[in-house]
């Protein structure tokens, strides 16, 4: 047979494919986003110097989704999207801490 062959249906043998898909489109976790929203970090991320390696020279950045955009119009379109609104809503909730996990696990630590 010439050309590529189809992958067989034994998907347990091909775990590396699933792992690569999970990490390829990794978005920052909500606790990292909440850390970015602190005033000193927010100013650093919104007032970045011009960088030719980033889309839009690094000037159009969505902090909640941690993505750069080409121009202001695409950033505005992104801010109206469902995914962006979900990230903003999730970042308004109080982050889950180690103290909470210990409390829910039955340990009483003051």
C-alpha atoms as a PDB file:
ATOM      1  CA  UNK A   1       0.000   0.000   0.000  1.00  0.00           C
ATOM      2  CA  UNK A   2       1.233   3.442  -0.843  1.00  0.00           C
ATOM      3  CA  UNK A   3       0.802   6.533   1.292  1.00  0.00           C
ATOM      4  CA  UNK A   4      -0.245   6.902   4.905  1.00  0.00           C
ATOM      5  CA  UNK A   5      -2.078   4.105   6.591  1.00  0.00           C
ATOM      6  CA  UNK A   6      -5.049   4.698   8.821  1.00  0.00           C
ATOM      7  CA  UNK A   7      -4.625   4.482  12.537  1.00  0.00           C
ATOM      8  CA  UNK A   8      -6.183   1.334  13.950  1.00  0.00           C
ATOM      9  CA  UNK A   9      -9.017   1.415  16.456  1.00  0.00           C
ATOM     10  CA  UNK A  10      -6.818   0.349  19.372  1.00  0.00           C
ATOM     11  CA  UNK A  11      -6.664   3.852  20.801  1.00  0.00           C
ATOM     12  CA  UNK A  12      -5.141   2.779  24.104  1.00  0.00           C
ATOM     13  CA  UNK A  13      -1.878   2.229  22.224  1.00  0.00           C
ATOM     14  CA  UNK A  14      -1.877   5.837  21.009  1.00  0.00           C
ATOM     15  CA  UNK A  15      -1.992   7.752  24.295  1.00  0.00           C
ATOM     16  CA  UNK A  16       0.685  10.168  23.152  1.00  0.00           C
ATOM     17  CA  UNK A  17      -1.745  11.655  20.624  1.00  0.00           C
ATOM     18  CA  UNK A  18      -4.283  12.570  23.304  1.00  0.00           C
ATOM     19  CA  UNK A  19      -1.611  14.040  25.540  1.00  0.00           C
ATOM     20  CA  UNK A  20      -0.297  16.245  22.777  1.00  0.00           C
ATOM     21  CA  UNK A  21      -3.788  17.566  22.065  1.00  0.00           C
ATOM     22  CA  UNK A  22      -4.293  18.463  25.715  1.00  0.00           C
ATOM     23  CA  UNK A  23      -1.106  20.496  25.971  1.00  0.00           C
ATOM     24  CA  UNK A  24      -1.153  22.098  22.526  1.00  0.00           C
ATOM     25  CA  UNK A  25      -3.942  24.571  23.314  1.00  0.00           C
ATOM     26  CA  UNK A  26      -3.138  25.106  26.976  1.00  0.00           C
ATOM     27  CA  UNK A  27      -4.715  28.185  28.488  1.00  0.00           C
ATOM     28  CA  UNK A  28      -3.545  29.661  31.751  1.00  0.00           C
ATOM     29  CA  UNK A  29      -5.344  28.405  34.836  1.00  0.00           C
ATOM     30  CA  UNK A  30      -7.809  30.639  36.633  1.00  0.00           C
ATOM     31  CA  UNK A  31      -5.570  31.116  39.667  1.00  0.00           C
ATOM     32  CA  UNK A  32      -2.805  32.360  37.350  1.00  0.00           C
ATOM     33  CA  UNK A  33      -5.272  34.759  35.693  1.00  0.00           C
ATOM     34  CA  UNK A  34      -6.362  36.080  39.093  1.00  0.00           C
ATOM     35  CA  UNK A  35      -2.699  36.694  39.890  1.00  0.00           C
ATOM     36  CA  UNK A  36      -2.361  38.608  36.595  1.00  0.00           C
ATOM     37  CA  UNK A  37      -5.334  40.807  37.510  1.00  0.00           C
ATOM     38  CA  UNK A  38      -3.529  42.274  40.528  1.00  0.00           C
ATOM     39  CA  UNK A  39      -2.746  45.959  39.882  1.00  0.00           C
ATOM     40  CA  UNK A  40       1.045  45.684  39.489  1.00  0.00           C
ATOM     41  CA  UNK A  41       0.798  42.682  37.134  1.00  0.00           C
ATOM     42  CA  UNK A  42      -2.139  44.169  35.214  1.00  0.00           C
ATOM     43  CA  UNK A  43      -0.157  47.289  34.337  1.00  0.00           C
ATOM     44  CA  UNK A  44       2.795  45.217  33.115  1.00  0.00           C
ATOM     45  CA  UNK A  45       0.603  43.111  30.829  1.00  0.00           C
ATOM     46  CA  UNK A  46      -1.473  45.948  29.385  1.00  0.00           C
ATOM     47  CA  UNK A  47       1.458  48.337  28.767  1.00  0.00           C
ATOM     48  CA  UNK A  48       3.942  46.073  27.054  1.00  0.00           C
ATOM     49  CA  UNK A  49       6.794  47.312  24.881  1.00  0.00           C
ATOM     50  CA  UNK A  50       6.590  46.676  21.148  1.00  0.00           C
ATOM     51  CA  UNK A  51       7.685  43.146  20.290  1.00  0.00           C
ATOM     52  CA  UNK A  52       7.880  42.084  16.651  1.00  0.00           C
ATOM     53  CA  UNK A  53       7.595  38.392  17.500  1.00  0.00           C
ATOM     54  CA  UNK A  54       4.057  38.672  18.899  1.00  0.00           C
ATOM     55  CA  UNK A  55       0.830  39.253  16.941  1.00  0.00           C
ATOM     56  CA  UNK A  56      -0.092  42.934  16.774  1.00  0.00           C
ATOM     57  CA  UNK A  57       3.390  43.786  18.074  1.00  0.00           C
ATOM     58  CA  UNK A  58       2.236  42.651  21.522  1.00  0.00           C
ATOM     59  CA  UNK A  59      -0.112  45.615  22.000  1.00  0.00           C
ATOM     60  CA  UNK A  60      -3.499  43.827  21.952  1.00  0.00           C
ATOM     61  CA  UNK A  61      -3.556  41.302  24.787  1.00  0.00           C
ATOM     62  CA  UNK A  62      -6.489  39.638  26.547  1.00  0.00           C
ATOM     63  CA  UNK A  63      -5.450  39.024  30.155  1.00  0.00           C
ATOM     64  CA  UNK A  64      -8.258  36.584  30.946  1.00  0.00           C
ATOM     65  CA  UNK A  65      -7.569  34.326  27.952  1.00  0.00           C
ATOM     66  CA  UNK A  66      -3.805  35.075  27.752  1.00  0.00           C
ATOM     67  CA  UNK A  67      -3.831  35.609  23.997  1.00  0.00           C
ATOM     68  CA  UNK A  68      -2.445  38.279  21.714  1.00  0.00           C
ATOM     69  CA  UNK A  69      -4.508  39.700  18.847  1.00  0.00           C
ATOM     70  CA  UNK A  70      -3.581  41.391  15.590  1.00  0.00           C
ATOM     71  CA  UNK A  71      -5.556  44.605  16.065  1.00  0.00           C
ATOM     72  CA  UNK A  72      -8.133  46.290  18.287  1.00  0.00           C
ATOM     73  CA  UNK A  73     -11.061  45.058  16.180  1.00  0.00           C
ATOM     74  CA  UNK A  74     -10.183  41.380  16.637  1.00  0.00           C
ATOM     75  CA  UNK A  75      -9.692  41.972  20.369  1.00  0.00           C
ATOM     76  CA  UNK A  76     -13.165  43.555  20.567  1.00  0.00           C
ATOM     77  CA  UNK A  77     -14.688  40.633  18.659  1.00  0.00           C
ATOM     78  CA  UNK A  78     -12.968  38.217  21.019  1.00  0.00           C
ATOM     79  CA  UNK A  79     -14.291  40.081  24.073  1.00  0.00           C
ATOM     80  CA  UNK A  80     -17.840  39.495  22.842  1.00  0.00           C
ATOM     81  CA  UNK A  81     -17.235  35.745  22.476  1.00  0.00           C
ATOM     82  CA  UNK A  82     -18.666  33.065  24.734  1.00  0.00           C
ATOM     83  CA  UNK A  83     -15.268  31.654  25.720  1.00  0.00           C
ATOM     84  CA  UNK A  84     -14.018  35.051  26.903  1.00  0.00           C
ATOM     85  CA  UNK A  85     -17.165  35.689  28.934  1.00  0.00           C
ATOM     86  CA  UNK A  86     -16.778  32.288  30.634  1.00  0.00           C
ATOM     87  CA  UNK A  87     -13.188  33.090  31.620  1.00  0.00           C
ATOM     88  CA  UNK A  88     -14.174  36.504  33.018  1.00  0.00           C
ATOM     89  CA  UNK A  89     -16.996  34.961  35.053  1.00  0.00           C
ATOM     90  CA  UNK A  90     -14.725  32.221  36.396  1.00  0.00           C
ATOM     91  CA  UNK A  91     -12.081  34.765  37.430  1.00  0.00           C
ATOM     92  CA  UNK A  92     -14.615  36.707  39.535  1.00  0.00           C
ATOM     93  CA  UNK A  93     -15.103  33.724  41.840  1.00  0.00           C
ATOM     94  CA  UNK A  94     -12.863  33.289  44.849  1.00  0.00           C
ATOM     95  CA  UNK A  95      -9.972  30.939  44.009  1.00  0.00           C
ATOM     96  CA  UNK A  96      -9.760  27.508  45.599  1.00  0.00           C
ATOM     97  CA  UNK A  97      -6.908  27.420  48.111  1.00  0.00           C
ATOM     98  CA  UNK A  98      -4.968  24.736  49.975  1.00  0.00           C
ATOM     99  CA  UNK A  99      -6.673  25.816  53.192  1.00  0.00           C
ATOM    100  CA  UNK A 100     -10.066  25.089  51.591  1.00  0.00           C
ATOM    101  CA  UNK A 101      -8.964  21.649  50.455  1.00  0.00           C
ATOM    102  CA  UNK A 102      -7.742  20.764  53.956  1.00  0.00           C
ATOM    103  CA  UNK A 103     -10.975  21.990  55.480  1.00  0.00           C
ATOM    104  CA  UNK A 104     -13.101  19.950  53.059  1.00  0.00           C
ATOM    105  CA  UNK A 105     -10.856  16.931  53.678  1.00  0.00           C
ATOM    106  CA  UNK A 106     -11.752  16.969  57.357  1.00  0.00           C
ATOM    107  CA  UNK A 107      -8.652  18.606  58.809  1.00  0.00           C
ATOM    108  CA  UNK A 108      -9.280  21.558  61.101  1.00  0.00           C
ATOM    109  CA  UNK A 109      -6.407  24.007  60.632  1.00  0.00           C
ATOM    110  CA  UNK A 110      -6.768  27.536  61.940  1.00  0.00           C
END
